Amino acid sequence: MDIEKFRVADLKAQLAAGDDVQELLAAMKEDSRVSVRKLAAAYMRQKIREEAERERVLHMYAQETAYYNQGLYHVAGIDEAGRGPAAGPVMVAAVILPPYWECPGLNDSKKVPPAKRDLLYDKIMAEAVAVSCVAKSEKEIDELDIYHATMQGMYDAVNGLAVPAEAVLVDAMPLRELTVPHKSLVHGDALSASIAAASIIAKVTRDRLMVEYDKKYPQYGFAVHKGYLTKMHMEALREYGPCPIHRRSFEPIKSMVKGLSE
């Protein structure tokens, strides 16, 4: 293939279009222009990265595969966001993905940058078999405690799926009352594609809600720390006291509320 007549921009466009790539790359590697050879090398490095990412995500279906092999294809992953903060709800999501659904970048939400999380959220919402996301409010957390509120949220989320789950994978928490096959995985959001997808949905949904709460209670900085007890949050609590979305069963809010009532 004679490519001497092509500009670098033209070659870049041909690579992007995927036309005769193998023959084109072979010719580019032999081209006298350094810029063309560099473009070929960069293209190959990118393809290697993309293949490695595809393999990484595919490996995250190992837990789902055990159920797929039993003919159970609607496998729900369940995860939560917001157990640790002292304000706002805990958010719980359940997601059923198409078997071996390809989604570069899918991972535990804590390992994904916010802008990428938003893109993954949109892709999951558009392409998942079913998604359910429920909130357990600060009042429910105070009444039940955070562990049991989260557990109830997980049952609610899986029961809220428009397509019933045939099996369930859940991050860490045992859900013994489920009537379908299920498995609890420690660090499941890094081991299971379905749980990772649920972690993205729960995290993005909760973060967006805390941004809305920030507009209602701007003095606390909820848009920044999302309710976690950062230095900024502690200073606001000392200055303004707790607001309606603070969890009364969490310290230091518990002591603050007790002090006000005495």
C-alpha atoms as a PDB file:
ATOM      1  CA  MET A   1       0.000   0.000   0.000  1.00  0.00           C
ATOM      2  CA  ASP A   2       1.390   3.356  -1.072  1.00  0.00           C
ATOM      3  CA  ILE A   3       0.559   5.902   1.630  1.00  0.00           C
ATOM      4  CA  GLU A   4       3.172   8.548   0.863  1.00  0.00           C
ATOM      5  CA  LYS A   5       0.486  10.758  -0.667  1.00  0.00           C
ATOM      6  CA  PHE A   6      -1.634  10.719   2.513  1.00  0.00           C
ATOM      7  CA  ARG A   7      -1.314  13.374   5.202  1.00  0.00           C
ATOM      8  CA  VAL A   8      -1.084  12.367   8.862  1.00  0.00           C
ATOM      9  CA  ALA A   9      -4.610  13.692   9.437  1.00  0.00           C
ATOM     10  CA  ASP A  10      -5.894  11.511   6.579  1.00  0.00           C
ATOM     11  CA  LEU A  11      -4.215   8.428   8.023  1.00  0.00           C
ATOM     12  CA  LYS A  12      -5.625   9.209  11.467  1.00  0.00           C
ATOM     13  CA  ALA A  13      -9.115   9.404   9.978  1.00  0.00           C
ATOM     14  CA  GLN A  14      -8.646   6.056   8.174  1.00  0.00           C
ATOM     15  CA  LEU A  15      -7.538   4.380  11.406  1.00  0.00           C
ATOM     16  CA  ALA A  16     -10.551   5.817  13.217  1.00  0.00           C
ATOM     17  CA  ALA A  17     -12.842   4.533  10.469  1.00  0.00           C
ATOM     18  CA  GLY A  18     -11.315   1.061  10.698  1.00  0.00           C
ATOM     19  CA  ASP A  19     -10.754   0.710   6.914  1.00  0.00           C
ATOM     20  CA  ASP A  20      -8.064  -1.863   5.973  1.00  0.00           C
ATOM     21  CA  VAL A  21      -6.372  -1.231   9.309  1.00  0.00           C
ATOM     22  CA  GLN A  22      -3.896  -4.129   9.264  1.00  0.00           C
ATOM     23  CA  GLU A  23      -2.534  -3.336   5.829  1.00  0.00           C
ATOM     24  CA  LEU A  24      -2.555   0.364   6.623  1.00  0.00           C
ATOM     25  CA  LEU A  25      -0.637  -0.120   9.882  1.00  0.00           C
ATOM     26  CA  ALA A  26       1.968  -2.273   8.153  1.00  0.00           C
ATOM     27  CA  ALA A  27       2.516   0.470   5.595  1.00  0.00           C
ATOM     28  CA  MET A  28       2.619   3.180   8.264  1.00  0.00           C
ATOM     29  CA  LYS A  29       5.339   1.335  10.207  1.00  0.00           C
ATOM     30  CA  GLU A  30       7.523   1.398   7.107  1.00  0.00           C
ATOM     31  CA  ASP A  31       6.761   4.999   6.178  1.00  0.00           C
ATOM     32  CA  SER A  32       9.708   7.396   5.992  1.00  0.00           C
ATOM     33  CA  ARG A  33       7.862  10.007   8.080  1.00  0.00           C
ATOM     34  CA  VAL A  34       8.503   9.845  11.826  1.00  0.00           C
ATOM     35  CA  SER A  35       5.040  11.317  12.534  1.00  0.00           C
ATOM     36  CA  VAL A  36       3.363   8.497  10.630  1.00  0.00           C
ATOM     37  CA  ARG A  37       5.346   5.786  12.422  1.00  0.00           C
ATOM     38  CA  LYS A  38       4.533   7.417  15.768  1.00  0.00           C
ATOM     39  CA  LEU A  39       0.850   7.489  14.867  1.00  0.00           C
ATOM     40  CA  ALA A  40       0.899   3.766  14.085  1.00  0.00           C
ATOM     41  CA  ALA A  41       2.618   2.996  17.385  1.00  0.00           C
ATOM     42  CA  ALA A  42       0.171   5.154  19.347  1.00  0.00           C
ATOM     43  CA  TYR A  43      -2.769   3.457  17.643  1.00  0.00           C
ATOM     44  CA  MET A  44      -1.461   0.010  18.616  1.00  0.00           C
ATOM     45  CA  ARG A  45      -0.869   1.068  22.228  1.00  0.00           C
ATOM     46  CA  GLN A  46      -4.430   2.344  22.429  1.00  0.00           C
ATOM     47  CA  LYS A  47      -5.793  -0.915  21.013  1.00  0.00           C
ATOM     48  CA  ILE A  48      -3.784  -2.900  23.548  1.00  0.00           C
ATOM     49  CA  ARG A  49      -5.197  -0.759  26.375  1.00  0.00           C
ATOM     50  CA  GLU A  50      -8.737  -1.203  25.055  1.00  0.00           C
ATOM     51  CA  GLU A  51      -8.324  -4.976  24.845  1.00  0.00           C
ATOM     52  CA  ALA A  52      -6.897  -5.129  28.366  1.00  0.00           C
ATOM     53  CA  GLU A  53      -9.870  -3.141  29.659  1.00  0.00           C
ATOM     54  CA  ARG A  54     -12.305  -5.388  27.817  1.00  0.00           C
ATOM     55  CA  GLU A  55     -10.650  -8.424  29.405  1.00  0.00           C
ATOM     56  CA  ARG A  56     -10.754  -6.805  32.855  1.00  0.00           C
ATOM     57  CA  VAL A  57     -14.485  -6.133  32.626  1.00  0.00           C
ATOM     58  CA  LEU A  58     -15.153  -9.600  31.179  1.00  0.00           C
ATOM     59  CA  HIS A  59     -13.338 -11.110  34.166  1.00  0.00           C
ATOM     60  CA  MET A  60     -15.827  -9.297  36.437  1.00  0.00           C
ATOM     61  CA  TYR A  61     -18.540 -11.648  35.153  1.00  0.00           C
ATOM     62  CA  ALA A  62     -16.980 -14.687  36.849  1.00  0.00           C
ATOM     63  CA  GLN A  63     -19.565 -14.594  39.667  1.00  0.00           C
ATOM     64  CA  GLU A  64     -22.460 -14.077  37.244  1.00  0.00           C
ATOM     65  CA  THR A  65     -21.197 -16.930  35.057  1.00  0.00           C
ATOM     66  CA  ALA A  66     -21.848 -19.430  37.843  1.00  0.00           C
ATOM     67  CA  TYR A  67     -25.539 -18.522  37.564  1.00  0.00           C
ATOM     68  CA  TYR A  68     -25.542 -18.189  33.764  1.00  0.00           C
ATOM     69  CA  ASN A  69     -24.310 -21.790  33.616  1.00  0.00           C
ATOM     70  CA  GLN A  70     -27.437 -22.800  35.536  1.00  0.00           C
ATOM     71  CA  GLY A  71     -29.680 -21.043  33.034  1.00  0.00           C
ATOM     72  CA  LEU A  72     -30.224 -18.069  35.356  1.00  0.00           C
ATOM     73  CA  TYR A  73     -29.592 -14.987  33.221  1.00  0.00           C
ATOM     74  CA  HIS A  74     -31.327 -12.252  35.225  1.00  0.00           C
ATOM     75  CA  VAL A  75     -28.662 -11.833  37.892  1.00  0.00           C
ATOM     76  CA  ALA A  76     -29.126  -8.737  40.052  1.00  0.00           C
ATOM     77  CA  GLY A  77     -26.187  -6.998  41.661  1.00  0.00           C
ATOM     78  CA  ILE A  78     -26.949  -4.956  44.794  1.00  0.00           C
ATOM     79  CA  ASP A  79     -24.874  -2.238  46.416  1.00  0.00           C
ATOM     80  CA  GLU A  80     -25.303   0.865  48.554  1.00  0.00           C
ATOM     81  CA  ALA A  81     -23.882   4.345  48.885  1.00  0.00           C
ATOM     82  CA  GLY A  82     -23.944   6.479  52.002  1.00  0.00           C
ATOM     83  CA  ARG A  83     -23.655   4.205  55.022  1.00  0.00           C
ATOM     84  CA  GLY A  84     -20.874   6.323  56.508  1.00  0.00           C
ATOM     85  CA  PRO A  85     -22.087   9.952  56.210  1.00  0.00           C
ATOM     86  CA  ALA A  86     -23.764  11.727  59.115  1.00  0.00           C
ATOM     87  CA  ALA A  87     -26.373  13.351  56.880  1.00  0.00           C
ATOM     88  CA  GLY A  88     -28.744  12.326  54.134  1.00  0.00           C
ATOM     89  CA  PRO A  89     -30.133   8.932  53.186  1.00  0.00           C
ATOM     90  CA  VAL A  90     -28.404   5.677  52.399  1.00  0.00           C
ATOM     91  CA  MET A  91     -29.071   4.836  48.747  1.00  0.00           C
ATOM     92  CA  VAL A  92     -29.414   1.236  47.594  1.00  0.00           C
ATOM     93  CA  ALA A  93     -29.449   0.070  43.987  1.00  0.00           C
ATOM     94  CA  ALA A  94     -30.130  -3.243  42.268  1.00  0.00           C
ATOM     95  CA  VAL A  95     -29.081  -3.745  38.645  1.00  0.00           C
ATOM     96  CA  ILE A  96     -29.540  -6.613  36.193  1.00  0.00           C
ATOM     97  CA  LEU A  97     -27.111  -6.423  33.275  1.00  0.00           C
ATOM     98  CA  PRO A  98     -27.320  -8.290  29.969  1.00  0.00           C
ATOM     99  CA  PRO A  99     -24.949 -11.284  30.170  1.00  0.00           C
ATOM    100  CA  TYR A 100     -21.366 -10.252  29.399  1.00  0.00           C
ATOM    101  CA  TRP A 101     -22.436  -6.674  28.680  1.00  0.00           C
ATOM    102  CA  GLU A 102     -19.417  -4.682  27.555  1.00  0.00           C
ATOM    103  CA  CYS A 103     -18.815  -1.448  29.419  1.00  0.00           C
ATOM    104  CA  PRO A 104     -15.267  -0.075  29.439  1.00  0.00           C
ATOM    105  CA  GLY A 105     -14.501   1.655  32.717  1.00  0.00           C
ATOM    106  CA  LEU A 106     -17.050  -0.280  34.773  1.00  0.00           C
ATOM    107  CA  ASN A 107     -15.697  -0.641  38.294  1.00  0.00           C
ATOM    108  CA  ASP A 108     -16.356  -0.035  41.971  1.00  0.00           C
ATOM    109  CA  SER A 109     -17.759   3.515  42.032  1.00  0.00           C
ATOM    110  CA  LYS A 110     -15.084   4.611  44.530  1.00  0.00           C
ATOM    111  CA  LYS A 111     -12.422   3.884  41.898  1.00  0.00           C
ATOM    112  CA  VAL A 112     -14.148   5.870  39.134  1.00  0.00           C
ATOM    113  CA  PRO A 113     -13.764   9.664  38.725  1.00  0.00           C
ATOM    114  CA  PRO A 114     -17.035  11.644  39.076  1.00  0.00           C
ATOM    115  CA  ALA A 115     -17.276  12.646  35.393  1.00  0.00           C
ATOM    116  CA  LYS A 116     -16.765   9.030  34.318  1.00  0.00           C
ATOM    117  CA  ARG A 117     -19.333   7.869  36.886  1.00  0.00           C
ATOM    118  CA  ASP A 118     -21.916  10.129  35.280  1.00  0.00           C
ATOM    119  CA  LEU A 119     -21.227   8.628  31.851  1.00  0.00           C
ATOM    120  CA  LEU A 120     -21.423   5.092  33.235  1.00  0.00           C
ATOM    121  CA  TYR A 121     -24.661   5.962  35.029  1.00  0.00           C
ATOM    122  CA  ASP A 122     -26.244   7.058  31.741  1.00  0.00           C
ATOM    123  CA  LYS A 123     -25.051   3.925  29.926  1.00  0.00           C
ATOM    124  CA  ILE A 124     -26.293   1.599  32.678  1.00  0.00           C
ATOM    125  CA  MET A 125     -29.684   3.320  32.842  1.00  0.00           C
ATOM    126  CA  ALA A 126     -30.037   3.093  29.062  1.00  0.00           C
ATOM    127  CA  GLU A 127     -28.847  -0.471  28.517  1.00  0.00           C
ATOM    128  CA  ALA A 128     -29.425  -2.516  31.691  1.00  0.00           C
ATOM    129  CA  VAL A 129     -32.168  -5.135  31.746  1.00  0.00           C
ATOM    130  CA  ALA A 130     -33.556  -3.536  34.919  1.00  0.00           C
ATOM    131  CA  VAL A 131     -32.542  -0.941  37.494  1.00  0.00           C
ATOM    132  CA  SER A 132     -34.063  -0.190  40.894  1.00  0.00           C
ATOM    133  CA  CYS A 133     -32.821   2.450  43.317  1.00  0.00           C
ATOM    134  CA  VAL A 134     -34.320   3.230  46.715  1.00  0.00           C
ATOM    135  CA  ALA A 135     -33.452   5.640  49.515  1.00  0.00           C
ATOM    136  CA  LYS A 136     -33.633   4.959  53.213  1.00  0.00           C
ATOM    137  CA  SER A 137     -34.008   8.342  54.876  1.00  0.00           C
ATOM    138  CA  GLU A 138     -32.131   9.653  57.884  1.00  0.00           C
ATOM    139  CA  LYS A 139     -35.324   9.059  59.916  1.00  0.00           C
ATOM    140  CA  GLU A 140     -35.442   5.387  58.917  1.00  0.00           C
ATOM    141  CA  ILE A 141     -31.728   5.094  59.688  1.00  0.00           C
ATOM    142  CA  ASP A 142     -32.306   6.561  63.145  1.00  0.00           C
ATOM    143  CA  GLU A 143     -35.237   4.217  63.777  1.00  0.00           C
ATOM    144  CA  LEU A 144     -33.687   0.977  62.481  1.00  0.00           C
ATOM    145  CA  ASP A 145     -29.933   1.728  62.719  1.00  0.00           C
ATOM    146  CA  ILE A 146     -27.771   2.050  59.614  1.00  0.00           C
ATOM    147  CA  TYR A 147     -27.136  -1.683  59.186  1.00  0.00           C
ATOM    148  CA  HIS A 148     -30.782  -2.722  59.239  1.00  0.00           C
ATOM    149  CA  ALA A 149     -31.925   0.301  57.219  1.00  0.00           C
ATOM    150  CA  THR A 150     -29.405  -0.657  54.530  1.00  0.00           C
ATOM    151  CA  MET A 151     -30.502  -4.283  54.638  1.00  0.00           C
ATOM    152  CA  GLN A 152     -34.160  -3.286  54.245  1.00  0.00           C
ATOM    153  CA  GLY A 153     -33.154  -1.043  51.361  1.00  0.00           C
ATOM    154  CA  MET A 154     -31.497  -3.980  49.639  1.00  0.00           C
ATOM    155  CA  TYR A 155     -34.626  -6.103  49.916  1.00  0.00           C
ATOM    156  CA  ASP A 156     -36.718  -3.183  48.651  1.00  0.00           C
ATOM    157  CA  ALA A 157     -34.367  -2.574  45.733  1.00  0.00           C
ATOM    158  CA  VAL A 158     -34.377  -6.161  44.492  1.00  0.00           C
ATOM    159  CA  ASN A 159     -38.156  -6.382  44.939  1.00  0.00           C
ATOM    160  CA  GLY A 160     -38.528  -3.157  42.963  1.00  0.00           C
ATOM    161  CA  LEU A 161     -36.891  -4.490  39.808  1.00  0.00           C
ATOM    162  CA  ALA A 162     -39.234  -4.397  36.797  1.00  0.00           C
ATOM    163  CA  VAL A 163     -37.711  -7.706  35.674  1.00  0.00           C
ATOM    164  CA  PRO A 164     -37.613 -10.205  38.553  1.00  0.00           C
ATOM    165  CA  ALA A 165     -34.159 -11.344  39.613  1.00  0.00           C
ATOM    166  CA  GLU A 166     -33.455 -15.045  39.151  1.00  0.00           C
ATOM    167  CA  ALA A 167     -30.320 -14.789  41.300  1.00  0.00           C
ATOM    168  CA  VAL A 168     -28.692 -12.084  43.399  1.00  0.00           C
ATOM    169  CA  LEU A 169     -25.141 -10.975  44.111  1.00  0.00           C
ATOM    170  CA  VAL A 170     -24.797  -8.509  46.969  1.00  0.00           C
ATOM    171  CA  ASP A 171     -21.866  -6.499  48.257  1.00  0.00           C
ATOM    172  CA  ALA A 172     -20.881  -7.841  51.685  1.00  0.00           C
ATOM    173  CA  MET A 173     -24.287  -7.946  53.384  1.00  0.00           C
ATOM    174  CA  PRO A 174     -26.056 -11.321  53.793  1.00  0.00           C
ATOM    175  CA  LEU A 175     -29.677 -11.320  52.596  1.00  0.00           C
ATOM    176  CA  ARG A 176     -30.908 -14.603  54.001  1.00  0.00           C
ATOM    177  CA  GLU A 177     -34.607 -13.910  53.352  1.00  0.00           C
ATOM    178  CA  LEU A 178     -34.190 -13.884  49.577  1.00  0.00           C
ATOM    179  CA  THR A 179     -36.043 -16.756  47.939  1.00  0.00           C
ATOM    180  CA  VAL A 180     -33.775 -16.911  44.864  1.00  0.00           C
ATOM    181  CA  PRO A 181     -30.174 -18.159  44.771  1.00  0.00           C
ATOM    182  CA  HIS A 182     -27.893 -15.490  46.200  1.00  0.00           C
ATOM    183  CA  LYS A 183     -24.342 -14.836  47.297  1.00  0.00           C
ATOM    184  CA  SER A 184     -22.718 -12.188  49.462  1.00  0.00           C
ATOM    185  CA  LEU A 185     -19.302 -11.027  48.271  1.00  0.00           C
ATOM    186  CA  VAL A 186     -16.795  -9.061  50.333  1.00  0.00           C
ATOM    187  CA  HIS A 187     -15.579  -6.213  48.107  1.00  0.00           C
ATOM    188  CA  GLY A 188     -18.177  -7.378  45.633  1.00  0.00           C
ATOM    189  CA  ASP A 189     -18.175  -4.044  43.802  1.00  0.00           C
ATOM    190  CA  ALA A 190     -14.672  -4.895  42.574  1.00  0.00           C
ATOM    191  CA  LEU A 191     -15.466  -8.549  41.819  1.00  0.00           C
ATOM    192  CA  SER A 192     -18.849  -8.468  40.089  1.00  0.00           C
ATOM    193  CA  ALA A 193     -19.934  -6.401  37.078  1.00  0.00           C
ATOM    194  CA  SER A 194     -23.530  -6.331  38.334  1.00  0.00           C
ATOM    195  CA  ILE A 195     -22.560  -5.124  41.805  1.00  0.00           C
ATOM    196  CA  ALA A 196     -20.198  -2.547  40.285  1.00  0.00           C
ATOM    197  CA  ALA A 197     -23.062  -1.245  38.139  1.00  0.00           C
ATOM    198  CA  ALA A 198     -25.276  -1.027  41.232  1.00  0.00           C
ATOM    199  CA  SER A 199     -22.548   0.873  43.081  1.00  0.00           C
ATOM    200  CA  ILE A 200     -22.410   3.421  40.241  1.00  0.00           C
ATOM    201  CA  ILE A 201     -26.188   3.915  40.263  1.00  0.00           C
ATOM    202  CA  ALA A 202     -26.349   4.256  44.049  1.00  0.00           C
ATOM    203  CA  LYS A 203     -23.367   6.614  44.265  1.00  0.00           C
ATOM    204  CA  VAL A 204     -24.407   8.949  41.432  1.00  0.00           C
ATOM    205  CA  THR A 205     -28.029   9.064  42.617  1.00  0.00           C
ATOM    206  CA  ARG A 206     -26.996   9.902  46.169  1.00  0.00           C
ATOM    207  CA  ASP A 207     -24.396  12.477  45.151  1.00  0.00           C
ATOM    208  CA  ARG A 208     -26.954  14.269  42.986  1.00  0.00           C
ATOM    209  CA  LEU A 209     -29.432  14.285  45.853  1.00  0.00           C
ATOM    210  CA  MET A 210     -26.832  15.771  48.216  1.00  0.00           C
ATOM    211  CA  VAL A 211     -26.156  18.523  45.681  1.00  0.00           C
ATOM    212  CA  GLU A 212     -29.883  19.333  45.805  1.00  0.00           C
ATOM    213  CA  TYR A 213     -29.786  19.350  49.613  1.00  0.00           C
ATOM    214  CA  ASP A 214     -26.875  21.778  49.381  1.00  0.00           C
ATOM    215  CA  LYS A 215     -29.213  24.279  47.746  1.00  0.00           C
ATOM    216  CA  LYS A 216     -31.651  23.917  50.633  1.00  0.00           C
ATOM    217  CA  TYR A 217     -29.013  23.968  53.382  1.00  0.00           C
ATOM    218  CA  PRO A 218     -26.072  25.826  51.786  1.00  0.00           C
ATOM    219  CA  GLN A 219     -24.244  26.514  55.047  1.00  0.00           C
ATOM    220  CA  TYR A 220     -23.180  22.857  55.470  1.00  0.00           C
ATOM    221  CA  GLY A 221     -21.351  22.226  52.171  1.00  0.00           C
ATOM    222  CA  PHE A 222     -23.238  19.038  51.284  1.00  0.00           C
ATOM    223  CA  ALA A 223     -22.342  19.409  47.595  1.00  0.00           C
ATOM    224  CA  VAL A 224     -18.677  19.106  48.552  1.00  0.00           C
ATOM    225  CA  HIS A 225     -18.517  16.403  51.236  1.00  0.00           C
ATOM    226  CA  LYS A 226     -21.859  14.652  50.580  1.00  0.00           C
ATOM    227  CA  GLY A 227     -22.570  14.402  54.316  1.00  0.00           C
ATOM    228  CA  TYR A 228     -19.300  12.834  55.448  1.00  0.00           C
ATOM    229  CA  LEU A 229     -17.797  14.336  58.593  1.00  0.00           C
ATOM    230  CA  THR A 230     -15.022  16.352  57.018  1.00  0.00           C
ATOM    231  CA  LYS A 231     -13.381  19.307  58.786  1.00  0.00           C
ATOM    232  CA  MET A 232     -15.640  21.624  56.773  1.00  0.00           C
ATOM    233  CA  HIS A 233     -18.745  19.713  57.855  1.00  0.00           C
ATOM    234  CA  MET A 234     -17.709  19.608  61.511  1.00  0.00           C
ATOM    235  CA  GLU A 235     -17.114  23.350  61.541  1.00  0.00           C
ATOM    236  CA  ALA A 236     -20.570  23.957  60.056  1.00  0.00           C
ATOM    237  CA  LEU A 237     -22.153  21.663  62.646  1.00  0.00           C
ATOM    238  CA  ARG A 238     -20.469  23.544  65.480  1.00  0.00           C
ATOM    239  CA  GLU A 239     -21.613  26.867  64.071  1.00  0.00           C
ATOM    240  CA  TYR A 240     -25.153  26.050  62.934  1.00  0.00           C
ATOM    241  CA  GLY A 241     -26.048  22.823  64.714  1.00  0.00           C
ATOM    242  CA  PRO A 242     -27.727  19.904  62.915  1.00  0.00           C
ATOM    243  CA  CYS A 243     -30.304  20.410  60.173  1.00  0.00           C
ATOM    244  CA  PRO A 244     -33.309  18.170  59.356  1.00  0.00           C
ATOM    245  CA  ILE A 245     -31.311  15.721  57.192  1.00  0.00           C
ATOM    246  CA  HIS A 246     -28.661  15.000  59.836  1.00  0.00           C
ATOM    247  CA  ARG A 247     -28.799  11.513  61.331  1.00  0.00           C
ATOM    248  CA  ARG A 248     -29.697  11.891  65.008  1.00  0.00           C
ATOM    249  CA  SER A 249     -28.289   8.448  65.870  1.00  0.00           C
ATOM    250  CA  PHE A 250     -24.823   9.400  64.571  1.00  0.00           C
ATOM    251  CA  GLU A 251     -22.197  11.248  66.585  1.00  0.00           C
ATOM    252  CA  PRO A 252     -21.602  14.125  67.079  1.00  0.00           C
ATOM    253  CA  ILE A 253     -25.217  14.923  66.116  1.00  0.00           C
ATOM    254  CA  LYS A 254     -26.538  12.560  68.797  1.00  0.00           C
ATOM    255  CA  SER A 255     -24.700  14.435  71.539  1.00  0.00           C
ATOM    256  CA  MET A 256     -25.612  17.802  70.062  1.00  0.00           C
ATOM    257  CA  VAL A 257     -29.316  16.981  70.003  1.00  0.00           C
ATOM    258  CA  LYS A 258     -29.125  15.565  73.537  1.00  0.00           C
ATOM    259  CA  GLY A 259     -27.412  18.737  74.734  1.00  0.00           C
ATOM    260  CA  LEU A 260     -30.118  20.917  73.193  1.00  0.00           C
ATOM    261  CA  SER A 261     -32.883  18.949  74.877  1.00  0.00           C
ATOM    262  CA  GLU A 262     -31.363  19.095  78.350  1.00  0.00           C
END
